[in-house]
PDB file of N, CA and C in Angstrom:
ATOM      1  N   MET A   1     -45.541 141.039 -30.637  1.00  0.00           N
ATOM      2  CA  MET A   1     -44.463 141.704 -30.862  1.00  0.00           C
ATOM      3  C   MET A   1     -44.392 142.391 -32.240  1.00  0.00           C
ATOM      4  N   ASN A   2     -43.585 143.351 -32.507  1.00  0.00           N
ATOM      5  CA  ASN A   2     -43.548 144.208 -33.173  1.00  0.00           C
ATOM      6  C   ASN A   2     -42.645 143.533 -34.684  1.00  0.00           C
ATOM      7  N   LYS A   3     -42.343 144.251 -35.728  1.00  0.00           N
ATOM      8  CA  LYS A   3     -41.844 143.325 -36.574  1.00  0.00           C
ATOM      9  C   LYS A   3     -41.020 144.538 -37.714  1.00  0.00           C
ATOM     10  N   THR A   4     -39.609 144.187 -37.090  1.00  0.00           N
ATOM     11  CA  THR A   4     -39.435 145.615 -38.234  1.00  0.00           C
ATOM     12  C   THR A   4     -38.230 145.069 -39.310  1.00  0.00           C
ATOM     13  N   SER A   5     -38.513 145.216 -40.586  1.00  0.00           N
ATOM     14  CA  SER A   5     -37.562 144.544 -41.335  1.00  0.00           C
ATOM     15  C   SER A   5     -36.872 142.889 -41.124  1.00  0.00           C
ATOM     16  N   GLY A   6     -37.811 142.429 -40.891  1.00  0.00           N
ATOM     17  CA  GLY A   6     -37.756 141.055 -40.635  1.00  0.00           C
ATOM     18  C   GLY A   6     -36.955 140.068 -39.431  1.00  0.00           C
ATOM     19  N   LYS A   7     -37.304 141.827 -38.370  1.00  0.00           N
ATOM     20  CA  LYS A   7     -36.173 141.290 -36.982  1.00  0.00           C
ATOM     21  C   LYS A   7     -37.515 141.898 -35.850  1.00  0.00           C
ATOM     22  N   TYR A   8     -37.878 140.919 -35.021  1.00  0.00           N
ATOM     23  CA  TYR A   8     -38.756 141.354 -33.806  1.00  0.00           C
ATOM     24  C   TYR A   8     -37.615 142.134 -32.846  1.00  0.00           C
ATOM     25  N   ILE A   9     -38.332 142.988 -32.452  1.00  0.00           N
ATOM     26  CA  ILE A   9     -38.101 144.209 -31.874  1.00  0.00           C
ATOM     27  C   ILE A   9     -38.099 143.630 -30.201  1.00  0.00           C
ATOM     28  N   SER A  10     -37.072 143.693 -29.300  1.00  0.00           N
ATOM     29  CA  SER A  10     -37.213 143.113 -27.884  1.00  0.00           C
ATOM     30  C   SER A  10     -37.657 144.898 -27.152  1.00  0.00           C
ATOM     31  N   ALA A  11     -38.363 144.587 -25.825  1.00  0.00           N
ATOM     32  CA  ALA A  11     -38.210 145.696 -24.886  1.00  0.00           C
ATOM     33  C   ALA A  11     -37.043 146.351 -24.549  1.00  0.00           C
ATOM     34  N   PHE A  12     -36.136 145.854 -24.456  1.00  0.00           N
ATOM     35  CA  PHE A  12     -35.064 146.497 -24.450  1.00  0.00           C
ATOM     36  C   PHE A  12     -34.691 147.639 -25.658  1.00  0.00           C
ATOM     37  N   GLN A  13     -34.999 146.935 -27.130  1.00  0.00           N
ATOM     38  CA  GLN A  13     -34.635 147.640 -28.131  1.00  0.00           C
ATOM     39  C   GLN A  13     -35.768 149.130 -28.284  1.00  0.00           C
ATOM     40  N   ARG A  14     -37.185 148.659 -27.888  1.00  0.00           N
ATOM     41  CA  ARG A  14     -38.165 149.746 -27.751  1.00  0.00           C
ATOM     42  C   ARG A  14     -37.810 150.631 -26.416  1.00  0.00           C
ATOM     43  N   ALA A  15     -36.820 150.219 -25.660  1.00  0.00           N
ATOM     44  CA  ALA A  15     -36.376 151.633 -24.741  1.00  0.00           C
ATOM     45  C   ALA A  15     -35.413 152.487 -24.461  1.00  0.00           C
ATOM     46  N   PHE A  16     -34.457 151.910 -25.485  1.00  0.00           N
ATOM     47  CA  PHE A  16     -33.428 152.751 -26.511  1.00  0.00           C
ATOM     48  C   PHE A  16     -33.521 152.647 -27.749  1.00  0.00           C
ATOM     49  N   PRO A  17     -34.356 153.254 -28.445  1.00  0.00           N
ATOM     50  CA  PRO A  17     -34.066 153.657 -29.697  1.00  0.00           C
ATOM     51  C   PRO A  17     -33.173 154.032 -31.089  1.00  0.00           C
ATOM     52  N   ALA A  18     -32.560 154.968 -30.031  1.00  0.00           N
ATOM     53  CA  ALA A  18     -31.542 155.924 -31.217  1.00  0.00           C
ATOM     54  C   ALA A  18     -30.471 155.805 -31.303  1.00  0.00           C
ATOM     55  N   TRP A  19     -29.504 156.016 -31.305  1.00  0.00           N
ATOM     56  CA  TRP A  19     -27.785 155.629 -31.761  1.00  0.00           C
ATOM     57  C   TRP A  19     -27.429 155.816 -30.411  1.00  0.00           C
ATOM     58  N   PRO A  20     -27.417 156.589 -28.895  1.00  0.00           N
ATOM     59  CA  PRO A  20     -27.524 155.821 -28.034  1.00  0.00           C
ATOM     60  C   PRO A  20     -27.693 154.980 -27.529  1.00  0.00           C
ATOM     61  N   GLY A  21     -28.557 154.434 -27.878  1.00  0.00           N
ATOM     62  CA  GLY A  21     -29.490 152.973 -27.049  1.00  0.00           C
ATOM     63  C   GLY A  21     -28.440 152.022 -28.226  1.00  0.00           C
ATOM     64  N   LYS A  22     -28.245 152.262 -29.371  1.00  0.00           N
ATOM     65  CA  LYS A  22     -27.342 151.249 -30.324  1.00  0.00           C
ATOM     66  C   LYS A  22     -26.274 150.998 -29.364  1.00  0.00           C
ATOM     67  N   VAL A  23     -25.634 152.362 -28.879  1.00  0.00           N
ATOM     68  CA  VAL A  23     -24.007 151.772 -28.048  1.00  0.00           C
ATOM     69  C   VAL A  23     -24.360 150.972 -26.861  1.00  0.00           C
ATOM     70  N   VAL A  24     -25.226 151.004 -26.329  1.00  0.00           N
ATOM     71  CA  VAL A  24     -25.617 150.829 -25.028  1.00  0.00           C
ATOM     72  C   VAL A  24     -26.141 148.984 -25.141  1.00  0.00           C
ATOM     73  N   ARG A  25     -26.966 149.214 -26.514  1.00  0.00           N
ATOM     74  CA  ARG A  25     -27.302 147.892 -26.771  1.00  0.00           C
ATOM     75  C   ARG A  25     -26.028 146.775 -26.856  1.00  0.00           C
ATOM     76  N   PHE A  26     -25.093 147.548 -27.576  1.00  0.00           N
ATOM     77  CA  PHE A  26     -23.690 147.024 -28.108  1.00  0.00           C
ATOM     78  C   PHE A  26     -23.076 146.480 -27.258  1.00  0.00           C
ATOM     79  N   TYR A  27     -22.910 147.090 -26.331  1.00  0.00           N
ATOM     80  CA  TYR A  27     -22.137 146.584 -24.607  1.00  0.00           C
ATOM     81  C   TYR A  27     -22.920 145.566 -24.007  1.00  0.00           C
ATOM     82  N   VAL A  28     -24.146 145.756 -23.553  1.00  0.00           N
ATOM     83  CA  VAL A  28     -24.812 144.857 -22.835  1.00  0.00           C
ATOM     84  C   VAL A  28     -24.789 143.917 -23.465  1.00  0.00           C
ATOM     85  N   ASP A  29     -24.818 143.124 -24.925  1.00  0.00           N
ATOM     86  CA  ASP A  29     -25.006 142.057 -25.384  1.00  0.00           C
ATOM     87  C   ASP A  29     -23.491 141.717 -25.567  1.00  0.00           C
ATOM     88  N   GLY A  30     -22.330 142.641 -25.775  1.00  0.00           N
ATOM     89  CA  GLY A  30     -21.313 142.312 -25.428  1.00  0.00           C
ATOM     90  C   GLY A  30     -20.860 141.227 -24.215  1.00  0.00           C
ATOM     91  N   PHE A  31     -21.338 142.126 -23.142  1.00  0.00           N
ATOM     92  CA  PHE A  31     -21.184 141.674 -21.844  1.00  0.00           C
ATOM     93  C   PHE A  31     -21.803 140.647 -21.197  1.00  0.00           C
ATOM     94  N   ARG A  32     -23.032 140.229 -21.611  1.00  0.00           N
ATOM     95  CA  ARG A  32     -23.522 139.426 -21.381  1.00  0.00           C
ATOM     96  C   ARG A  32     -22.862 137.843 -22.326  1.00  0.00           C
ATOM     97  N   SER A  33     -22.532 137.816 -23.617  1.00  0.00           N
ATOM     98  CA  SER A  33     -21.487 136.843 -23.490  1.00  0.00           C
ATOM     99  C   SER A  33     -20.688 136.440 -23.149  1.00  0.00           C
ATOM    100  N   MET A  34     -19.687 137.247 -22.835  1.00  0.00           N
ATOM    101  CA  MET A  34     -18.495 136.746 -22.071  1.00  0.00           C
ATOM    102  C   MET A  34     -18.266 135.690 -21.148  1.00  0.00           C
ATOM    103  N   THR A  35     -17.349 135.118 -21.505  1.00  0.00           N
ATOM    104  CA  THR A  35     -16.867 134.027 -19.923  1.00  0.00           C
ATOM    105  C   THR A  35     -15.418 134.590 -19.790  1.00  0.00           C
ATOM    106  N   VAL A  36     -14.399 134.654 -20.421  1.00  0.00           N
ATOM    107  CA  VAL A  36     -13.236 134.954 -19.600  1.00  0.00           C
ATOM    108  C   VAL A  36     -13.118 136.718 -19.124  1.00  0.00           C
ATOM    109  N   GLY A  37     -14.235 137.209 -20.420  1.00  0.00           N
ATOM    110  CA  GLY A  37     -13.847 138.775 -19.934  1.00  0.00           C
ATOM    111  C   GLY A  37     -14.277 139.167 -18.810  1.00  0.00           C
ATOM    112  N   ARG A  38     -15.627 138.403 -18.128  1.00  0.00           N
ATOM    113  CA  ARG A  38     -16.415 139.097 -16.889  1.00  0.00           C
ATOM    114  C   ARG A  38     -15.033 139.213 -15.356  1.00  0.00           C
ATOM    115  N   LYS A  39     -14.237 137.747 -15.986  1.00  0.00           N
ATOM    116  CA  LYS A  39     -13.706 137.729 -14.773  1.00  0.00           C
ATOM    117  C   LYS A  39     -12.079 138.981 -14.883  1.00  0.00           C
ATOM    118  N   LEU A  40     -11.989 139.371 -15.989  1.00  0.00           N
ATOM    119  CA  LEU A  40     -10.999 140.282 -16.350  1.00  0.00           C
ATOM    120  C   LEU A  40     -11.316 141.563 -15.757  1.00  0.00           C
ATOM    121  N   TRP A  41     -12.583 141.662 -16.250  1.00  0.00           N
ATOM    122  CA  TRP A  41     -13.973 143.016 -15.626  1.00  0.00           C
ATOM    123  C   TRP A  41     -13.490 143.078 -14.336  1.00  0.00           C
ATOM    124  N   ILE A  42     -13.945 141.995 -12.981  1.00  0.00           N
ATOM    125  CA  ILE A  42     -13.656 141.849 -11.904  1.00  0.00           C
ATOM    126  C   ILE A  42     -12.219 142.135 -11.806  1.00  0.00           C
ATOM    127  N   LEU A  43     -11.320 141.844 -12.303  1.00  0.00           N
ATOM    128  CA  LEU A  43     -10.102 142.218 -11.779  1.00  0.00           C
ATOM    129  C   LEU A  43      -9.760 143.586 -11.859  1.00  0.00           C
ATOM    130  N   ILE A  44     -10.479 144.482 -13.182  1.00  0.00           N
ATOM    131  CA  ILE A  44     -10.495 145.507 -13.397  1.00  0.00           C
ATOM    132  C   ILE A  44     -11.154 146.813 -12.383  1.00  0.00           C
ATOM    133  N   LEU A  45     -12.095 146.235 -11.969  1.00  0.00           N
ATOM    134  CA  LEU A  45     -13.017 146.827 -10.896  1.00  0.00           C
ATOM    135  C   LEU A  45     -12.301 146.911  -9.693  1.00  0.00           C
ATOM    136  N   ILE A  46     -11.499 145.612  -8.528  1.00  0.00           N
ATOM    137  CA  ILE A  46     -11.060 145.393  -7.739  1.00  0.00           C
ATOM    138  C   ILE A  46      -9.744 146.431  -8.252  1.00  0.00           C
ATOM    139  N   LYS A  47      -9.100 146.731  -9.100  1.00  0.00           N
ATOM    140  CA  LYS A  47      -7.959 147.255  -9.095  1.00  0.00           C
ATOM    141  C   LYS A  47      -8.215 148.839  -8.557  1.00  0.00           C
ATOM    142  N   LEU A  48      -9.614 149.482  -9.414  1.00  0.00           N
ATOM    143  CA  LEU A  48      -9.798 150.941  -9.493  1.00  0.00           C
ATOM    144  C   LEU A  48     -10.561 151.297  -8.066  1.00  0.00           C
ATOM    145  N   PHE A  49     -10.856 149.860  -7.795  1.00  0.00           N
ATOM    146  CA  PHE A  49     -11.283 150.111  -6.335  1.00  0.00           C
ATOM    147  C   PHE A  49      -9.950 150.174  -5.064  1.00  0.00           C
ATOM    148  N   VAL A  50      -9.074 149.512  -5.263  1.00  0.00           N
ATOM    149  CA  VAL A  50      -7.566 149.359  -4.146  1.00  0.00           C
ATOM    150  C   VAL A  50      -6.911 151.376  -5.000  1.00  0.00           C
ATOM    151  N   LEU A  51      -7.071 151.276  -6.536  1.00  0.00           N
ATOM    152  CA  LEU A  51      -6.217 152.724  -6.859  1.00  0.00           C
ATOM    153  C   LEU A  51      -7.063 153.997  -6.119  1.00  0.00           C
ATOM    154  N   PHE A  52      -8.304 154.219  -6.071  1.00  0.00           N
ATOM    155  CA  PHE A  52      -9.320 155.261  -5.478  1.00  0.00           C
ATOM    156  C   PHE A  52      -9.219 155.369  -4.332  1.00  0.00           C
ATOM    157  N   PHE A  53      -9.647 154.208  -3.698  1.00  0.00           N
ATOM    158  CA  PHE A  53     -10.388 154.129  -2.486  1.00  0.00           C
ATOM    159  C   PHE A  53      -9.268 154.198  -1.320  1.00  0.00           C
ATOM    160  N   VAL A  54      -8.349 152.779  -1.386  1.00  0.00           N
ATOM    161  CA  VAL A  54      -7.434 152.345  -0.174  1.00  0.00           C
ATOM    162  C   VAL A  54      -6.815 153.529  -0.283  1.00  0.00           C
ATOM    163  N   PHE A  55      -5.655 153.921  -1.634  1.00  0.00           N
ATOM    164  CA  PHE A  55      -5.174 155.215  -1.788  1.00  0.00           C
ATOM    165  C   PHE A  55      -5.155 156.177  -0.623  1.00  0.00           C
ATOM    166  N   LYS A  56      -6.474 156.803  -1.465  1.00  0.00           N
ATOM    167  CA  LYS A  56      -7.189 157.632  -1.028  1.00  0.00           C
ATOM    168  C   LYS A  56      -7.312 158.052   0.286  1.00  0.00           C
ATOM    169  N   LEU A  57      -7.263 156.791   1.203  1.00  0.00           N
ATOM    170  CA  LEU A  57      -8.065 156.418   2.817  1.00  0.00           C
ATOM    171  C   LEU A  57      -6.162 156.625   3.149  1.00  0.00           C
ATOM    172  N   PHE A  58      -5.233 155.738   2.703  1.00  0.00           N
ATOM    173  CA  PHE A  58      -3.671 156.212   3.111  1.00  0.00           C
ATOM    174  C   PHE A  58      -2.839 156.619   2.864  1.00  0.00           C
ATOM    175  N   PHE A  59      -2.902 157.430   1.760  1.00  0.00           N
ATOM    176  CA  PHE A  59      -1.829 158.249   1.029  1.00  0.00           C
ATOM    177  C   PHE A  59      -2.186 159.473   1.070  1.00  0.00           C
ATOM    178  N   PHE A  60      -3.380 159.824   0.753  1.00  0.00           N
ATOM    179  CA  PHE A  60      -3.523 161.175   0.712  1.00  0.00           C
ATOM    180  C   PHE A  60      -4.898 161.510   1.903  1.00  0.00           C
ATOM    181  N   PRO A  61      -3.611 162.048   2.864  1.00  0.00           N
ATOM    182  CA  PRO A  61      -5.091 162.870   4.127  1.00  0.00           C
ATOM    183  C   PRO A  61      -5.662 163.937   4.099  1.00  0.00           C
ATOM    184  N   ASP A  62      -6.715 164.434   4.365  1.00  0.00           N
ATOM    185  CA  ASP A  62      -7.188 165.438   4.641  1.00  0.00           C
ATOM    186  C   ASP A  62      -6.841 166.685   5.074  1.00  0.00           C
ATOM    187  N   LEU A  63      -5.619 167.079   4.694  1.00  0.00           N
ATOM    188  CA  LEU A  63      -4.689 168.123   5.028  1.00  0.00           C
ATOM    189  C   LEU A  63      -5.693 169.483   5.996  1.00  0.00           C
ATOM    190  N   LEU A  64      -6.588 169.402   4.973  1.00  0.00           N
ATOM    191  CA  LEU A  64      -7.503 170.952   5.676  1.00  0.00           C
ATOM    192  C   LEU A  64      -8.107 170.471   6.429  1.00  0.00           C
ATOM    193  N   SER A  65      -8.991 169.810   6.925  1.00  0.00           N
ATOM    194  CA  SER A  65      -9.580 169.049   7.780  1.00  0.00           C
ATOM    195  C   SER A  65      -8.861 169.031   8.944  1.00  0.00           C
ATOM    196  N   ARG A  66      -7.923 168.892   9.436  1.00  0.00           N
ATOM    197  CA  ARG A  66      -6.617 167.994   9.542  1.00  0.00           C
ATOM    198  C   ARG A  66      -6.093 169.545  10.358  1.00  0.00           C
ATOM    199  N   ASP A  67      -5.757 170.764   9.683  1.00  0.00           N
ATOM    200  CA  ASP A  67      -5.306 171.888   9.700  1.00  0.00           C
ATOM    201  C   ASP A  67      -6.204 173.063  10.250  1.00  0.00           C
ATOM    202  N   TYR A  68      -7.596 173.069   9.770  1.00  0.00           N
ATOM    203  CA  TYR A  68      -8.407 174.379   9.897  1.00  0.00           C
ATOM    204  C   TYR A  68      -9.712 173.204  10.637  1.00  0.00           C
ATOM    205  N   ASP A  69     -10.324 174.073  11.420  1.00  0.00           N
ATOM    206  CA  ASP A  69     -11.410 173.722  12.282  1.00  0.00           C
ATOM    207  C   ASP A  69     -12.551 174.275  11.212  1.00  0.00           C
ATOM    208  N   THR A  70     -12.763 175.046  10.919  1.00  0.00           N
ATOM    209  CA  THR A  70     -14.186 175.706  10.106  1.00  0.00           C
ATOM    210  C   THR A  70     -13.708 175.551   8.687  1.00  0.00           C
ATOM    211  N   ASP A  71     -15.192 175.772   8.086  1.00  0.00           N
ATOM    212  CA  ASP A  71     -15.176 175.995   6.713  1.00  0.00           C
ATOM    213  C   ASP A  71     -14.174 177.191   6.007  1.00  0.00           C
ATOM    214  N   SER A  72     -14.947 178.206   6.917  1.00  0.00           N
ATOM    215  CA  SER A  72     -14.138 179.482   6.383  1.00  0.00           C
ATOM    216  C   SER A  72     -13.034 179.610   6.527  1.00  0.00           C
ATOM    217  N   GLU A  73     -11.902 179.014   7.398  1.00  0.00           N
ATOM    218  CA  GLU A  73     -10.657 178.957   8.041  1.00  0.00           C
ATOM    219  C   GLU A  73      -9.995 178.150   6.300  1.00  0.00           C
ATOM    220  N   ARG A  74     -10.840 176.859   6.026  1.00  0.00           N
ATOM    221  CA  ARG A  74     -10.510 176.354   5.238  1.00  0.00           C
ATOM    222  C   ARG A  74     -10.135 177.049   4.004  1.00  0.00           C
ATOM    223  N   ALA A  75     -11.634 177.725   3.547  1.00  0.00           N
ATOM    224  CA  ALA A  75     -11.432 178.657   2.458  1.00  0.00           C
ATOM    225  C   ALA A  75     -10.362 179.737   1.953  1.00  0.00           C
ATOM    226  N   GLU A  76     -10.435 180.406   3.581  1.00  0.00           N
ATOM    227  CA  GLU A  76      -9.226 181.424   3.340  1.00  0.00           C
ATOM    228  C   GLU A  76      -7.874 180.896   3.389  1.00  0.00           C
ATOM    229  N   ALA A  77      -7.452 179.654   3.308  1.00  0.00           N
ATOM    230  CA  ALA A  77      -6.568 178.844   3.711  1.00  0.00           C
ATOM    231  C   ALA A  77      -5.931 178.176   1.816  1.00  0.00           C
ATOM    232  N   VAL A  78      -7.082 178.125   1.301  1.00  0.00           N
ATOM    233  CA  VAL A  78      -7.090 177.620   0.116  1.00  0.00           C
ATOM    234  C   VAL A  78      -6.824 179.340  -1.077  1.00  0.00           C
ATOM    235  N   ARG A  79      -7.864 179.820  -0.841  1.00  0.00           N
ATOM    236  CA  ARG A  79      -7.665 181.290  -1.337  1.00  0.00           C
ATOM    237  C   ARG A  79      -6.232 182.171  -1.352  1.00  0.00           C
ATOM    238  N   SER A  80      -6.080 182.136  -0.154  1.00  0.00           N
ATOM    239  CA  SER A  80      -4.295 182.961   0.213  1.00  0.00           C
ATOM    240  C   SER A  80      -3.474 182.004  -0.690  1.00  0.00           C
ATOM    241  N   SER A  81      -3.246 180.373  -0.639  1.00  0.00           N
ATOM    242  CA  SER A  81      -2.961 179.346  -0.996  1.00  0.00           C
ATOM    243  C   SER A  81      -2.597 179.350  -2.636  1.00  0.00           C
ATOM    244  N   MET A  82      -3.729 179.927  -3.497  1.00  0.00           N
ATOM    245  CA  MET A  82      -3.906 180.363  -4.876  1.00  0.00           C
ATOM    246  C   MET A  82      -3.505 181.798  -5.370  1.00  0.00           C
ATOM    247  N   LEU A  83      -3.460 182.633  -4.372  1.00  0.00           N
ATOM    248  CA  LEU A  83      -3.274 183.608  -4.510  1.00  0.00           C
ATOM    249  C   LEU A  83      -1.760 183.748  -4.408  1.00  0.00           C
ATOM    250  N   ASN A  84      -1.043 183.497  -3.581  1.00  0.00           N
ATOM    251  CA  ASN A  84      -0.071 183.519  -3.406  1.00  0.00           C
ATOM    252  C   ASN A  84       1.466 182.638  -3.701  1.00  0.00           C
ATOM    253  N   ARG A  85       0.904 182.151  -4.496  1.00  0.00           N
ATOM    254  CA  ARG A  85       1.576 181.169  -5.610  1.00  0.00           C
ATOM    255  C   ARG A  85       2.880 181.954  -7.043  1.00  0.00           C
ATOM    256  N   ARG A  86       4.288 181.194  -6.407  1.00  0.00           N
ATOM    257  CA  ARG A  86       5.037 181.656  -7.071  1.00  0.00           C
ATOM    258  C   ARG A  86       6.399 180.833  -8.020  1.00  0.00           C
TER     259      ARG A  86
END
């Protein structure tokens, strides 16, 4: 093992030596030692899934594919919509 200033360097520390690595290590070590926080992060991820996936499915239909058959027709519809805004 390598020794630097009285501390042993892990394989993870060797993989991320610069300041971005320090940031990554900070979060990895923080998440590793969490107990209640893990449950909160699971709730946050479920909420994001619901917001982005379920809402997209039911509340934001793909109007261009419904109203136009080809990509060129869709492109023309978007182009004319953007140019004729008032």
